[in-house]
Amino acid sequence: STIFHGTGIAPLTVTAEDDYITGID
């Protein structure tokens, strides 16, 4: 996972497992 700060609303954490997105929080 990594944190995405460029949203303009709030930071998002994106989580992946293998080649799939498993979470955006």
PDBML (XML) file of the C-alpha atoms, coordinates in Angstrom:
<?xml version="1.0" encoding="UTF-8" ?>
<PDBx:datablock datablockName="MODEL"
   xmlns:PDBx="http://pdbml.pdb.org/schema/pdbx-v50.xsd"
   xmlns:xsi="http://www.w3.org/2001/XMLSchema-instance"
   xsi:schemaLocation="http://pdbml.pdb.org/schema/pdbx-v50.xsd pdbx-v50.xsd">
   <PDBx:atom_siteCategory>
      <PDBx:atom_site id="1">
         <PDBx:B_iso_or_equiv>0.00</PDBx:B_iso_or_equiv>
         <PDBx:Cartn_x>0.000</PDBx:Cartn_x>
         <PDBx:Cartn_y>0.000</PDBx:Cartn_y>
         <PDBx:Cartn_z>0.000</PDBx:Cartn_z>
         <PDBx:auth_asym_id>A</PDBx:auth_asym_id>
         <PDBx:auth_atom_id>CA</PDBx:auth_atom_id>
         <PDBx:auth_comp_id>SER</PDBx:auth_comp_id>
         <PDBx:auth_seq_id>1</PDBx:auth_seq_id>
         <PDBx:group_PDB>ATOM</PDBx:group_PDB>
         <PDBx:label_alt_id xsi:nil="true" />
         <PDBx:label_asym_id>A</PDBx:label_asym_id>
         <PDBx:label_atom_id>CA</PDBx:label_atom_id>
         <PDBx:label_comp_id>SER</PDBx:label_comp_id>
         <PDBx:label_entity_id>1</PDBx:label_entity_id>
         <PDBx:label_seq_id>1</PDBx:label_seq_id>
         <PDBx:occupancy>1.00</PDBx:occupancy>
         <PDBx:pdbx_PDB_model_num>1</PDBx:pdbx_PDB_model_num>
         <PDBx:type_symbol>C</PDBx:type_symbol>
      </PDBx:atom_site>
      <PDBx:atom_site id="2">
         <PDBx:B_iso_or_equiv>0.00</PDBx:B_iso_or_equiv>
         <PDBx:Cartn_x>0.912</PDBx:Cartn_x>
         <PDBx:Cartn_y>3.599</PDBx:Cartn_y>
         <PDBx:Cartn_z>-0.367</PDBx:Cartn_z>
         <PDBx:auth_asym_id>A</PDBx:auth_asym_id>
         <PDBx:auth_atom_id>CA</PDBx:auth_atom_id>
         <PDBx:auth_comp_id>THR</PDBx:auth_comp_id>
         <PDBx:auth_seq_id>2</PDBx:auth_seq_id>
         <PDBx:group_PDB>ATOM</PDBx:group_PDB>
         <PDBx:label_alt_id xsi:nil="true" />
         <PDBx:label_asym_id>A</PDBx:label_asym_id>
         <PDBx:label_atom_id>CA</PDBx:label_atom_id>
         <PDBx:label_comp_id>THR</PDBx:label_comp_id>
         <PDBx:label_entity_id>1</PDBx:label_entity_id>
         <PDBx:label_seq_id>2</PDBx:label_seq_id>
         <PDBx:occupancy>1.00</PDBx:occupancy>
         <PDBx:pdbx_PDB_model_num>1</PDBx:pdbx_PDB_model_num>
         <PDBx:type_symbol>C</PDBx:type_symbol>
      </PDBx:atom_site>
      <PDBx:atom_site id="3">
         <PDBx:B_iso_or_equiv>0.00</PDBx:B_iso_or_equiv>
         <PDBx:Cartn_x>-0.629</PDBx:Cartn_x>
         <PDBx:Cartn_y>6.946</PDBx:Cartn_y>
         <PDBx:Cartn_z>0.466</PDBx:Cartn_z>
         <PDBx:auth_asym_id>A</PDBx:auth_asym_id>
         <PDBx:auth_atom_id>CA</PDBx:auth_atom_id>
         <PDBx:auth_comp_id>ILE</PDBx:auth_comp_id>
         <PDBx:auth_seq_id>3</PDBx:auth_seq_id>
         <PDBx:group_PDB>ATOM</PDBx:group_PDB>
         <PDBx:label_alt_id xsi:nil="true" />
         <PDBx:label_asym_id>A</PDBx:label_asym_id>
         <PDBx:label_atom_id>CA</PDBx:label_atom_id>
         <PDBx:label_comp_id>ILE</PDBx:label_comp_id>
         <PDBx:label_entity_id>1</PDBx:label_entity_id>
         <PDBx:label_seq_id>3</PDBx:label_seq_id>
         <PDBx:occupancy>1.00</PDBx:occupancy>
         <PDBx:pdbx_PDB_model_num>1</PDBx:pdbx_PDB_model_num>
         <PDBx:type_symbol>C</PDBx:type_symbol>
      </PDBx:atom_site>
      <PDBx:atom_site id="4">
         <PDBx:B_iso_or_equiv>0.00</PDBx:B_iso_or_equiv>
         <PDBx:Cartn_x>-1.885</PDBx:Cartn_x>
         <PDBx:Cartn_y>9.281</PDBx:Cartn_y>
         <PDBx:Cartn_z>-2.233</PDBx:Cartn_z>
         <PDBx:auth_asym_id>A</PDBx:auth_asym_id>
         <PDBx:auth_atom_id>CA</PDBx:auth_atom_id>
         <PDBx:auth_comp_id>PHE</PDBx:auth_comp_id>
         <PDBx:auth_seq_id>4</PDBx:auth_seq_id>
         <PDBx:group_PDB>ATOM</PDBx:group_PDB>
         <PDBx:label_alt_id xsi:nil="true" />
         <PDBx:label_asym_id>A</PDBx:label_asym_id>
         <PDBx:label_atom_id>CA</PDBx:label_atom_id>
         <PDBx:label_comp_id>PHE</PDBx:label_comp_id>
         <PDBx:label_entity_id>1</PDBx:label_entity_id>
         <PDBx:label_seq_id>4</PDBx:label_seq_id>
         <PDBx:occupancy>1.00</PDBx:occupancy>
         <PDBx:pdbx_PDB_model_num>1</PDBx:pdbx_PDB_model_num>
         <PDBx:type_symbol>C</PDBx:type_symbol>
      </PDBx:atom_site>
      <PDBx:atom_site id="5">
         <PDBx:B_iso_or_equiv>0.00</PDBx:B_iso_or_equiv>
         <PDBx:Cartn_x>-1.939</PDBx:Cartn_x>
         <PDBx:Cartn_y>12.927</PDBx:Cartn_y>
         <PDBx:Cartn_z>-1.140</PDBx:Cartn_z>
         <PDBx:auth_asym_id>A</PDBx:auth_asym_id>
         <PDBx:auth_atom_id>CA</PDBx:auth_atom_id>
         <PDBx:auth_comp_id>HIS</PDBx:auth_comp_id>
         <PDBx:auth_seq_id>5</PDBx:auth_seq_id>
         <PDBx:group_PDB>ATOM</PDBx:group_PDB>
         <PDBx:label_alt_id xsi:nil="true" />
         <PDBx:label_asym_id>A</PDBx:label_asym_id>
         <PDBx:label_atom_id>CA</PDBx:label_atom_id>
         <PDBx:label_comp_id>HIS</PDBx:label_comp_id>
         <PDBx:label_entity_id>1</PDBx:label_entity_id>
         <PDBx:label_seq_id>5</PDBx:label_seq_id>
         <PDBx:occupancy>1.00</PDBx:occupancy>
         <PDBx:pdbx_PDB_model_num>1</PDBx:pdbx_PDB_model_num>
         <PDBx:type_symbol>C</PDBx:type_symbol>
      </PDBx:atom_site>
      <PDBx:atom_site id="6">
         <PDBx:B_iso_or_equiv>0.00</PDBx:B_iso_or_equiv>
         <PDBx:Cartn_x>-2.949</PDBx:Cartn_x>
         <PDBx:Cartn_y>14.651</PDBx:Cartn_y>
         <PDBx:Cartn_z>-4.368</PDBx:Cartn_z>
         <PDBx:auth_asym_id>A</PDBx:auth_asym_id>
         <PDBx:auth_atom_id>CA</PDBx:auth_atom_id>
         <PDBx:auth_comp_id>GLY</PDBx:auth_comp_id>
         <PDBx:auth_seq_id>6</PDBx:auth_seq_id>
         <PDBx:group_PDB>ATOM</PDBx:group_PDB>
         <PDBx:label_alt_id xsi:nil="true" />
         <PDBx:label_asym_id>A</PDBx:label_asym_id>
         <PDBx:label_atom_id>CA</PDBx:label_atom_id>
         <PDBx:label_comp_id>GLY</PDBx:label_comp_id>
         <PDBx:label_entity_id>1</PDBx:label_entity_id>
         <PDBx:label_seq_id>6</PDBx:label_seq_id>
         <PDBx:occupancy>1.00</PDBx:occupancy>
         <PDBx:pdbx_PDB_model_num>1</PDBx:pdbx_PDB_model_num>
         <PDBx:type_symbol>C</PDBx:type_symbol>
      </PDBx:atom_site>
      <PDBx:atom_site id="7">
         <PDBx:B_iso_or_equiv>0.00</PDBx:B_iso_or_equiv>
         <PDBx:Cartn_x>-6.690</PDBx:Cartn_x>
         <PDBx:Cartn_y>14.280</PDBx:Cartn_y>
         <PDBx:Cartn_z>-3.983</PDBx:Cartn_z>
         <PDBx:auth_asym_id>A</PDBx:auth_asym_id>
         <PDBx:auth_atom_id>CA</PDBx:auth_atom_id>
         <PDBx:auth_comp_id>THR</PDBx:auth_comp_id>
         <PDBx:auth_seq_id>7</PDBx:auth_seq_id>
         <PDBx:group_PDB>ATOM</PDBx:group_PDB>
         <PDBx:label_alt_id xsi:nil="true" />
         <PDBx:label_asym_id>A</PDBx:label_asym_id>
         <PDBx:label_atom_id>CA</PDBx:label_atom_id>
         <PDBx:label_comp_id>THR</PDBx:label_comp_id>
         <PDBx:label_entity_id>1</PDBx:label_entity_id>
         <PDBx:label_seq_id>7</PDBx:label_seq_id>
         <PDBx:occupancy>1.00</PDBx:occupancy>
         <PDBx:pdbx_PDB_model_num>1</PDBx:pdbx_PDB_model_num>
         <PDBx:type_symbol>C</PDBx:type_symbol>
      </PDBx:atom_site>
      <PDBx:atom_site id="8">
         <PDBx:B_iso_or_equiv>0.00</PDBx:B_iso_or_equiv>
         <PDBx:Cartn_x>-7.723</PDBx:Cartn_x>
         <PDBx:Cartn_y>17.785</PDBx:Cartn_y>
         <PDBx:Cartn_z>-3.057</PDBx:Cartn_z>
         <PDBx:auth_asym_id>A</PDBx:auth_asym_id>
         <PDBx:auth_atom_id>CA</PDBx:auth_atom_id>
         <PDBx:auth_comp_id>GLY</PDBx:auth_comp_id>
         <PDBx:auth_seq_id>8</PDBx:auth_seq_id>
         <PDBx:group_PDB>ATOM</PDBx:group_PDB>
         <PDBx:label_alt_id xsi:nil="true" />
         <PDBx:label_asym_id>A</PDBx:label_asym_id>
         <PDBx:label_atom_id>CA</PDBx:label_atom_id>
         <PDBx:label_comp_id>GLY</PDBx:label_comp_id>
         <PDBx:label_entity_id>1</PDBx:label_entity_id>
         <PDBx:label_seq_id>8</PDBx:label_seq_id>
         <PDBx:occupancy>1.00</PDBx:occupancy>
         <PDBx:pdbx_PDB_model_num>1</PDBx:pdbx_PDB_model_num>
         <PDBx:type_symbol>C</PDBx:type_symbol>
      </PDBx:atom_site>
      <PDBx:atom_site id="9">
         <PDBx:B_iso_or_equiv>0.00</PDBx:B_iso_or_equiv>
         <PDBx:Cartn_x>-10.075</PDBx:Cartn_x>
         <PDBx:Cartn_y>16.319</PDBx:Cartn_y>
         <PDBx:Cartn_z>-0.437</PDBx:Cartn_z>
         <PDBx:auth_asym_id>A</PDBx:auth_asym_id>
         <PDBx:auth_atom_id>CA</PDBx:auth_atom_id>
         <PDBx:auth_comp_id>ILE</PDBx:auth_comp_id>
         <PDBx:auth_seq_id>9</PDBx:auth_seq_id>
         <PDBx:group_PDB>ATOM</PDBx:group_PDB>
         <PDBx:label_alt_id xsi:nil="true" />
         <PDBx:label_asym_id>A</PDBx:label_asym_id>
         <PDBx:label_atom_id>CA</PDBx:label_atom_id>
         <PDBx:label_comp_id>ILE</PDBx:label_comp_id>
         <PDBx:label_entity_id>1</PDBx:label_entity_id>
         <PDBx:label_seq_id>9</PDBx:label_seq_id>
         <PDBx:occupancy>1.00</PDBx:occupancy>
         <PDBx:pdbx_PDB_model_num>1</PDBx:pdbx_PDB_model_num>
         <PDBx:type_symbol>C</PDBx:type_symbol>
      </PDBx:atom_site>
      <PDBx:atom_site id="10">
         <PDBx:B_iso_or_equiv>0.00</PDBx:B_iso_or_equiv>
         <PDBx:Cartn_x>-8.131</PDBx:Cartn_x>
         <PDBx:Cartn_y>13.979</PDBx:Cartn_y>
         <PDBx:Cartn_z>1.839</PDBx:Cartn_z>
         <PDBx:auth_asym_id>A</PDBx:auth_asym_id>
         <PDBx:auth_atom_id>CA</PDBx:auth_atom_id>
         <PDBx:auth_comp_id>ALA</PDBx:auth_comp_id>
         <PDBx:auth_seq_id>10</PDBx:auth_seq_id>
         <PDBx:group_PDB>ATOM</PDBx:group_PDB>
         <PDBx:label_alt_id xsi:nil="true" />
         <PDBx:label_asym_id>A</PDBx:label_asym_id>
         <PDBx:label_atom_id>CA</PDBx:label_atom_id>
         <PDBx:label_comp_id>ALA</PDBx:label_comp_id>
         <PDBx:label_entity_id>1</PDBx:label_entity_id>
         <PDBx:label_seq_id>10</PDBx:label_seq_id>
         <PDBx:occupancy>1.00</PDBx:occupancy>
         <PDBx:pdbx_PDB_model_num>1</PDBx:pdbx_PDB_model_num>
         <PDBx:type_symbol>C</PDBx:type_symbol>
      </PDBx:atom_site>
      <PDBx:atom_site id="11">
         <PDBx:B_iso_or_equiv>0.00</PDBx:B_iso_or_equiv>
         <PDBx:Cartn_x>-5.224</PDBx:Cartn_x>
         <PDBx:Cartn_y>11.561</PDBx:Cartn_y>
         <PDBx:Cartn_z>1.666</PDBx:Cartn_z>
         <PDBx:auth_asym_id>A</PDBx:auth_asym_id>
         <PDBx:auth_atom_id>CA</PDBx:auth_atom_id>
         <PDBx:auth_comp_id>PRO</PDBx:auth_comp_id>
         <PDBx:auth_seq_id>11</PDBx:auth_seq_id>
         <PDBx:group_PDB>ATOM</PDBx:group_PDB>
         <PDBx:label_alt_id xsi:nil="true" />
         <PDBx:label_asym_id>A</PDBx:label_asym_id>
         <PDBx:label_atom_id>CA</PDBx:label_atom_id>
         <PDBx:label_comp_id>PRO</PDBx:label_comp_id>
         <PDBx:label_entity_id>1</PDBx:label_entity_id>
         <PDBx:label_seq_id>11</PDBx:label_seq_id>
         <PDBx:occupancy>1.00</PDBx:occupancy>
         <PDBx:pdbx_PDB_model_num>1</PDBx:pdbx_PDB_model_num>
         <PDBx:type_symbol>C</PDBx:type_symbol>
      </PDBx:atom_site>
      <PDBx:atom_site id="12">
         <PDBx:B_iso_or_equiv>0.00</PDBx:B_iso_or_equiv>
         <PDBx:Cartn_x>-6.131</PDBx:Cartn_x>
         <PDBx:Cartn_y>8.153</PDBx:Cartn_y>
         <PDBx:Cartn_z>0.280</PDBx:Cartn_z>
         <PDBx:auth_asym_id>A</PDBx:auth_asym_id>
         <PDBx:auth_atom_id>CA</PDBx:auth_atom_id>
         <PDBx:auth_comp_id>LEU</PDBx:auth_comp_id>
         <PDBx:auth_seq_id>12</PDBx:auth_seq_id>
         <PDBx:group_PDB>ATOM</PDBx:group_PDB>
         <PDBx:label_alt_id xsi:nil="true" />
         <PDBx:label_asym_id>A</PDBx:label_asym_id>
         <PDBx:label_atom_id>CA</PDBx:label_atom_id>
         <PDBx:label_comp_id>LEU</PDBx:label_comp_id>
         <PDBx:label_entity_id>1</PDBx:label_entity_id>
         <PDBx:label_seq_id>12</PDBx:label_seq_id>
         <PDBx:occupancy>1.00</PDBx:occupancy>
         <PDBx:pdbx_PDB_model_num>1</PDBx:pdbx_PDB_model_num>
         <PDBx:type_symbol>C</PDBx:type_symbol>
      </PDBx:atom_site>
      <PDBx:atom_site id="13">
         <PDBx:B_iso_or_equiv>0.00</PDBx:B_iso_or_equiv>
         <PDBx:Cartn_x>-4.434</PDBx:Cartn_x>
         <PDBx:Cartn_y>4.876</PDBx:Cartn_y>
         <PDBx:Cartn_z>1.040</PDBx:Cartn_z>
         <PDBx:auth_asym_id>A</PDBx:auth_asym_id>
         <PDBx:auth_atom_id>CA</PDBx:auth_atom_id>
         <PDBx:auth_comp_id>THR</PDBx:auth_comp_id>
         <PDBx:auth_seq_id>13</PDBx:auth_seq_id>
         <PDBx:group_PDB>ATOM</PDBx:group_PDB>
         <PDBx:label_alt_id xsi:nil="true" />
         <PDBx:label_asym_id>A</PDBx:label_asym_id>
         <PDBx:label_atom_id>CA</PDBx:label_atom_id>
         <PDBx:label_comp_id>THR</PDBx:label_comp_id>
         <PDBx:label_entity_id>1</PDBx:label_entity_id>
         <PDBx:label_seq_id>13</PDBx:label_seq_id>
         <PDBx:occupancy>1.00</PDBx:occupancy>
         <PDBx:pdbx_PDB_model_num>1</PDBx:pdbx_PDB_model_num>
         <PDBx:type_symbol>C</PDBx:type_symbol>
      </PDBx:atom_site>
      <PDBx:atom_site id="14">
         <PDBx:B_iso_or_equiv>0.00</PDBx:B_iso_or_equiv>
         <PDBx:Cartn_x>-4.411</PDBx:Cartn_x>
         <PDBx:Cartn_y>2.463</PDBx:Cartn_y>
         <PDBx:Cartn_z>-1.883</PDBx:Cartn_z>
         <PDBx:auth_asym_id>A</PDBx:auth_asym_id>
         <PDBx:auth_atom_id>CA</PDBx:auth_atom_id>
         <PDBx:auth_comp_id>VAL</PDBx:auth_comp_id>
         <PDBx:auth_seq_id>14</PDBx:auth_seq_id>
         <PDBx:group_PDB>ATOM</PDBx:group_PDB>
         <PDBx:label_alt_id xsi:nil="true" />
         <PDBx:label_asym_id>A</PDBx:label_asym_id>
         <PDBx:label_atom_id>CA</PDBx:label_atom_id>
         <PDBx:label_comp_id>VAL</PDBx:label_comp_id>
         <PDBx:label_entity_id>1</PDBx:label_entity_id>
         <PDBx:label_seq_id>14</PDBx:label_seq_id>
         <PDBx:occupancy>1.00</PDBx:occupancy>
         <PDBx:pdbx_PDB_model_num>1</PDBx:pdbx_PDB_model_num>
         <PDBx:type_symbol>C</PDBx:type_symbol>
      </PDBx:atom_site>
      <PDBx:atom_site id="15">
         <PDBx:B_iso_or_equiv>0.00</PDBx:B_iso_or_equiv>
         <PDBx:Cartn_x>-3.759</PDBx:Cartn_x>
         <PDBx:Cartn_y>-1.195</PDBx:Cartn_y>
         <PDBx:Cartn_z>-1.163</PDBx:Cartn_z>
         <PDBx:auth_asym_id>A</PDBx:auth_asym_id>
         <PDBx:auth_atom_id>CA</PDBx:auth_atom_id>
         <PDBx:auth_comp_id>THR</PDBx:auth_comp_id>
         <PDBx:auth_seq_id>15</PDBx:auth_seq_id>
         <PDBx:group_PDB>ATOM</PDBx:group_PDB>
         <PDBx:label_alt_id xsi:nil="true" />
         <PDBx:label_asym_id>A</PDBx:label_asym_id>
         <PDBx:label_atom_id>CA</PDBx:label_atom_id>
         <PDBx:label_comp_id>THR</PDBx:label_comp_id>
         <PDBx:label_entity_id>1</PDBx:label_entity_id>
         <PDBx:label_seq_id>15</PDBx:label_seq_id>
         <PDBx:occupancy>1.00</PDBx:occupancy>
         <PDBx:pdbx_PDB_model_num>1</PDBx:pdbx_PDB_model_num>
         <PDBx:type_symbol>C</PDBx:type_symbol>
      </PDBx:atom_site>
      <PDBx:atom_site id="16">
         <PDBx:B_iso_or_equiv>0.00</PDBx:B_iso_or_equiv>
         <PDBx:Cartn_x>-2.993</PDBx:Cartn_x>
         <PDBx:Cartn_y>-3.879</PDBx:Cartn_y>
         <PDBx:Cartn_z>-3.713</PDBx:Cartn_z>
         <PDBx:auth_asym_id>A</PDBx:auth_asym_id>
         <PDBx:auth_atom_id>CA</PDBx:auth_atom_id>
         <PDBx:auth_comp_id>ALA</PDBx:auth_comp_id>
         <PDBx:auth_seq_id>16</PDBx:auth_seq_id>
         <PDBx:group_PDB>ATOM</PDBx:group_PDB>
         <PDBx:label_alt_id xsi:nil="true" />
         <PDBx:label_asym_id>A</PDBx:label_asym_id>
         <PDBx:label_atom_id>CA</PDBx:label_atom_id>
         <PDBx:label_comp_id>ALA</PDBx:label_comp_id>
         <PDBx:label_entity_id>1</PDBx:label_entity_id>
         <PDBx:label_seq_id>16</PDBx:label_seq_id>
         <PDBx:occupancy>1.00</PDBx:occupancy>
         <PDBx:pdbx_PDB_model_num>1</PDBx:pdbx_PDB_model_num>
         <PDBx:type_symbol>C</PDBx:type_symbol>
      </PDBx:atom_site>
      <PDBx:atom_site id="17">
         <PDBx:B_iso_or_equiv>0.00</PDBx:B_iso_or_equiv>
         <PDBx:Cartn_x>-2.457</PDBx:Cartn_x>
         <PDBx:Cartn_y>-7.596</PDBx:Cartn_y>
         <PDBx:Cartn_z>-3.604</PDBx:Cartn_z>
         <PDBx:auth_asym_id>A</PDBx:auth_asym_id>
         <PDBx:auth_atom_id>CA</PDBx:auth_atom_id>
         <PDBx:auth_comp_id>GLU</PDBx:auth_comp_id>
         <PDBx:auth_seq_id>17</PDBx:auth_seq_id>
         <PDBx:group_PDB>ATOM</PDBx:group_PDB>
         <PDBx:label_alt_id xsi:nil="true" />
         <PDBx:label_asym_id>A</PDBx:label_asym_id>
         <PDBx:label_atom_id>CA</PDBx:label_atom_id>
         <PDBx:label_comp_id>GLU</PDBx:label_comp_id>
         <PDBx:label_entity_id>1</PDBx:label_entity_id>
         <PDBx:label_seq_id>17</PDBx:label_seq_id>
         <PDBx:occupancy>1.00</PDBx:occupancy>
         <PDBx:pdbx_PDB_model_num>1</PDBx:pdbx_PDB_model_num>
         <PDBx:type_symbol>C</PDBx:type_symbol>
      </PDBx:atom_site>
      <PDBx:atom_site id="18">
         <PDBx:B_iso_or_equiv>0.00</PDBx:B_iso_or_equiv>
         <PDBx:Cartn_x>-0.744</PDBx:Cartn_x>
         <PDBx:Cartn_y>-9.164</PDBx:Cartn_y>
         <PDBx:Cartn_z>-6.576</PDBx:Cartn_z>
         <PDBx:auth_asym_id>A</PDBx:auth_asym_id>
         <PDBx:auth_atom_id>CA</PDBx:auth_atom_id>
         <PDBx:auth_comp_id>ASP</PDBx:auth_comp_id>
         <PDBx:auth_seq_id>18</PDBx:auth_seq_id>
         <PDBx:group_PDB>ATOM</PDBx:group_PDB>
         <PDBx:label_alt_id xsi:nil="true" />
         <PDBx:label_asym_id>A</PDBx:label_asym_id>
         <PDBx:label_atom_id>CA</PDBx:label_atom_id>
         <PDBx:label_comp_id>ASP</PDBx:label_comp_id>
         <PDBx:label_entity_id>1</PDBx:label_entity_id>
         <PDBx:label_seq_id>18</PDBx:label_seq_id>
         <PDBx:occupancy>1.00</PDBx:occupancy>
         <PDBx:pdbx_PDB_model_num>1</PDBx:pdbx_PDB_model_num>
         <PDBx:type_symbol>C</PDBx:type_symbol>
      </PDBx:atom_site>
      <PDBx:atom_site id="19">
         <PDBx:B_iso_or_equiv>0.00</PDBx:B_iso_or_equiv>
         <PDBx:Cartn_x>-2.253</PDBx:Cartn_x>
         <PDBx:Cartn_y>-7.362</PDBx:Cartn_y>
         <PDBx:Cartn_z>-9.577</PDBx:Cartn_z>
         <PDBx:auth_asym_id>A</PDBx:auth_asym_id>
         <PDBx:auth_atom_id>CA</PDBx:auth_atom_id>
         <PDBx:auth_comp_id>ASP</PDBx:auth_comp_id>
         <PDBx:auth_seq_id>19</PDBx:auth_seq_id>
         <PDBx:group_PDB>ATOM</PDBx:group_PDB>
         <PDBx:label_alt_id xsi:nil="true" />
         <PDBx:label_asym_id>A</PDBx:label_asym_id>
         <PDBx:label_atom_id>CA</PDBx:label_atom_id>
         <PDBx:label_comp_id>ASP</PDBx:label_comp_id>
         <PDBx:label_entity_id>1</PDBx:label_entity_id>
         <PDBx:label_seq_id>19</PDBx:label_seq_id>
         <PDBx:occupancy>1.00</PDBx:occupancy>
         <PDBx:pdbx_PDB_model_num>1</PDBx:pdbx_PDB_model_num>
         <PDBx:type_symbol>C</PDBx:type_symbol>
      </PDBx:atom_site>
      <PDBx:atom_site id="20">
         <PDBx:B_iso_or_equiv>0.00</PDBx:B_iso_or_equiv>
         <PDBx:Cartn_x>-5.533</PDBx:Cartn_x>
         <PDBx:Cartn_y>-6.340</PDBx:Cartn_y>
         <PDBx:Cartn_z>-7.896</PDBx:Cartn_z>
         <PDBx:auth_asym_id>A</PDBx:auth_asym_id>
         <PDBx:auth_atom_id>CA</PDBx:auth_atom_id>
         <PDBx:auth_comp_id>TYR</PDBx:auth_comp_id>
         <PDBx:auth_seq_id>20</PDBx:auth_seq_id>
         <PDBx:group_PDB>ATOM</PDBx:group_PDB>
         <PDBx:label_alt_id xsi:nil="true" />
         <PDBx:label_asym_id>A</PDBx:label_asym_id>
         <PDBx:label_atom_id>CA</PDBx:label_atom_id>
         <PDBx:label_comp_id>TYR</PDBx:label_comp_id>
         <PDBx:label_entity_id>1</PDBx:label_entity_id>
         <PDBx:label_seq_id>20</PDBx:label_seq_id>
         <PDBx:occupancy>1.00</PDBx:occupancy>
         <PDBx:pdbx_PDB_model_num>1</PDBx:pdbx_PDB_model_num>
         <PDBx:type_symbol>C</PDBx:type_symbol>
      </PDBx:atom_site>
      <PDBx:atom_site id="21">
         <PDBx:B_iso_or_equiv>0.00</PDBx:B_iso_or_equiv>
         <PDBx:Cartn_x>-6.666</PDBx:Cartn_x>
         <PDBx:Cartn_y>-3.279</PDBx:Cartn_y>
         <PDBx:Cartn_z>-6.002</PDBx:Cartn_z>
         <PDBx:auth_asym_id>A</PDBx:auth_asym_id>
         <PDBx:auth_atom_id>CA</PDBx:auth_atom_id>
         <PDBx:auth_comp_id>ILE</PDBx:auth_comp_id>
         <PDBx:auth_seq_id>21</PDBx:auth_seq_id>
         <PDBx:group_PDB>ATOM</PDBx:group_PDB>
         <PDBx:label_alt_id xsi:nil="true" />
         <PDBx:label_asym_id>A</PDBx:label_asym_id>
         <PDBx:label_atom_id>CA</PDBx:label_atom_id>
         <PDBx:label_comp_id>ILE</PDBx:label_comp_id>
         <PDBx:label_entity_id>1</PDBx:label_entity_id>
         <PDBx:label_seq_id>21</PDBx:label_seq_id>
         <PDBx:occupancy>1.00</PDBx:occupancy>
         <PDBx:pdbx_PDB_model_num>1</PDBx:pdbx_PDB_model_num>
         <PDBx:type_symbol>C</PDBx:type_symbol>
      </PDBx:atom_site>
      <PDBx:atom_site id="22">
         <PDBx:B_iso_or_equiv>0.00</PDBx:B_iso_or_equiv>
         <PDBx:Cartn_x>-7.940</PDBx:Cartn_x>
         <PDBx:Cartn_y>-4.475</PDBx:Cartn_y>
         <PDBx:Cartn_z>-2.625</PDBx:Cartn_z>
         <PDBx:auth_asym_id>A</PDBx:auth_asym_id>
         <PDBx:auth_atom_id>CA</PDBx:auth_atom_id>
         <PDBx:auth_comp_id>THR</PDBx:auth_comp_id>
         <PDBx:auth_seq_id>22</PDBx:auth_seq_id>
         <PDBx:group_PDB>ATOM</PDBx:group_PDB>
         <PDBx:label_alt_id xsi:nil="true" />
         <PDBx:label_asym_id>A</PDBx:label_asym_id>
         <PDBx:label_atom_id>CA</PDBx:label_atom_id>
         <PDBx:label_comp_id>THR</PDBx:label_comp_id>
         <PDBx:label_entity_id>1</PDBx:label_entity_id>
         <PDBx:label_seq_id>22</PDBx:label_seq_id>
         <PDBx:occupancy>1.00</PDBx:occupancy>
         <PDBx:pdbx_PDB_model_num>1</PDBx:pdbx_PDB_model_num>
         <PDBx:type_symbol>C</PDBx:type_symbol>
      </PDBx:atom_site>
      <PDBx:atom_site id="23">
         <PDBx:B_iso_or_equiv>0.00</PDBx:B_iso_or_equiv>
         <PDBx:Cartn_x>-8.499</PDBx:Cartn_x>
         <PDBx:Cartn_y>-1.180</PDBx:Cartn_y>
         <PDBx:Cartn_z>-0.872</PDBx:Cartn_z>
         <PDBx:auth_asym_id>A</PDBx:auth_asym_id>
         <PDBx:auth_atom_id>CA</PDBx:auth_atom_id>
         <PDBx:auth_comp_id>GLY</PDBx:auth_comp_id>
         <PDBx:auth_seq_id>23</PDBx:auth_seq_id>
         <PDBx:group_PDB>ATOM</PDBx:group_PDB>
         <PDBx:label_alt_id xsi:nil="true" />
         <PDBx:label_asym_id>A</PDBx:label_asym_id>
         <PDBx:label_atom_id>CA</PDBx:label_atom_id>
         <PDBx:label_comp_id>GLY</PDBx:label_comp_id>
         <PDBx:label_entity_id>1</PDBx:label_entity_id>
         <PDBx:label_seq_id>23</PDBx:label_seq_id>
         <PDBx:occupancy>1.00</PDBx:occupancy>
         <PDBx:pdbx_PDB_model_num>1</PDBx:pdbx_PDB_model_num>
         <PDBx:type_symbol>C</PDBx:type_symbol>
      </PDBx:atom_site>
      <PDBx:atom_site id="24">
         <PDBx:B_iso_or_equiv>0.00</PDBx:B_iso_or_equiv>
         <PDBx:Cartn_x>-8.905</PDBx:Cartn_x>
         <PDBx:Cartn_y>2.556</PDBx:Cartn_y>
         <PDBx:Cartn_z>-1.280</PDBx:Cartn_z>
         <PDBx:auth_asym_id>A</PDBx:auth_asym_id>
         <PDBx:auth_atom_id>CA</PDBx:auth_atom_id>
         <PDBx:auth_comp_id>ILE</PDBx:auth_comp_id>
         <PDBx:auth_seq_id>24</PDBx:auth_seq_id>
         <PDBx:group_PDB>ATOM</PDBx:group_PDB>
         <PDBx:label_alt_id xsi:nil="true" />
         <PDBx:label_asym_id>A</PDBx:label_asym_id>
         <PDBx:label_atom_id>CA</PDBx:label_atom_id>
         <PDBx:label_comp_id>ILE</PDBx:label_comp_id>
         <PDBx:label_entity_id>1</PDBx:label_entity_id>
         <PDBx:label_seq_id>24</PDBx:label_seq_id>
         <PDBx:occupancy>1.00</PDBx:occupancy>
         <PDBx:pdbx_PDB_model_num>1</PDBx:pdbx_PDB_model_num>
         <PDBx:type_symbol>C</PDBx:type_symbol>
      </PDBx:atom_site>
      <PDBx:atom_site id="25">
         <PDBx:B_iso_or_equiv>0.00</PDBx:B_iso_or_equiv>
         <PDBx:Cartn_x>-9.464</PDBx:Cartn_x>
         <PDBx:Cartn_y>4.211</PDBx:Cartn_y>
         <PDBx:Cartn_z>2.043</PDBx:Cartn_z>
         <PDBx:auth_asym_id>A</PDBx:auth_asym_id>
         <PDBx:auth_atom_id>CA</PDBx:auth_atom_id>
         <PDBx:auth_comp_id>ASP</PDBx:auth_comp_id>
         <PDBx:auth_seq_id>25</PDBx:auth_seq_id>
         <PDBx:group_PDB>ATOM</PDBx:group_PDB>
         <PDBx:label_alt_id xsi:nil="true" />
         <PDBx:label_asym_id>A</PDBx:label_asym_id>
         <PDBx:label_atom_id>CA</PDBx:label_atom_id>
         <PDBx:label_comp_id>ASP</PDBx:label_comp_id>
         <PDBx:label_entity_id>1</PDBx:label_entity_id>
         <PDBx:label_seq_id>25</PDBx:label_seq_id>
         <PDBx:occupancy>1.00</PDBx:occupancy>
         <PDBx:pdbx_PDB_model_num>1</PDBx:pdbx_PDB_model_num>
         <PDBx:type_symbol>C</PDBx:type_symbol>
      </PDBx:atom_site>
   </PDBx:atom_siteCategory>
</PDBx:datablock>
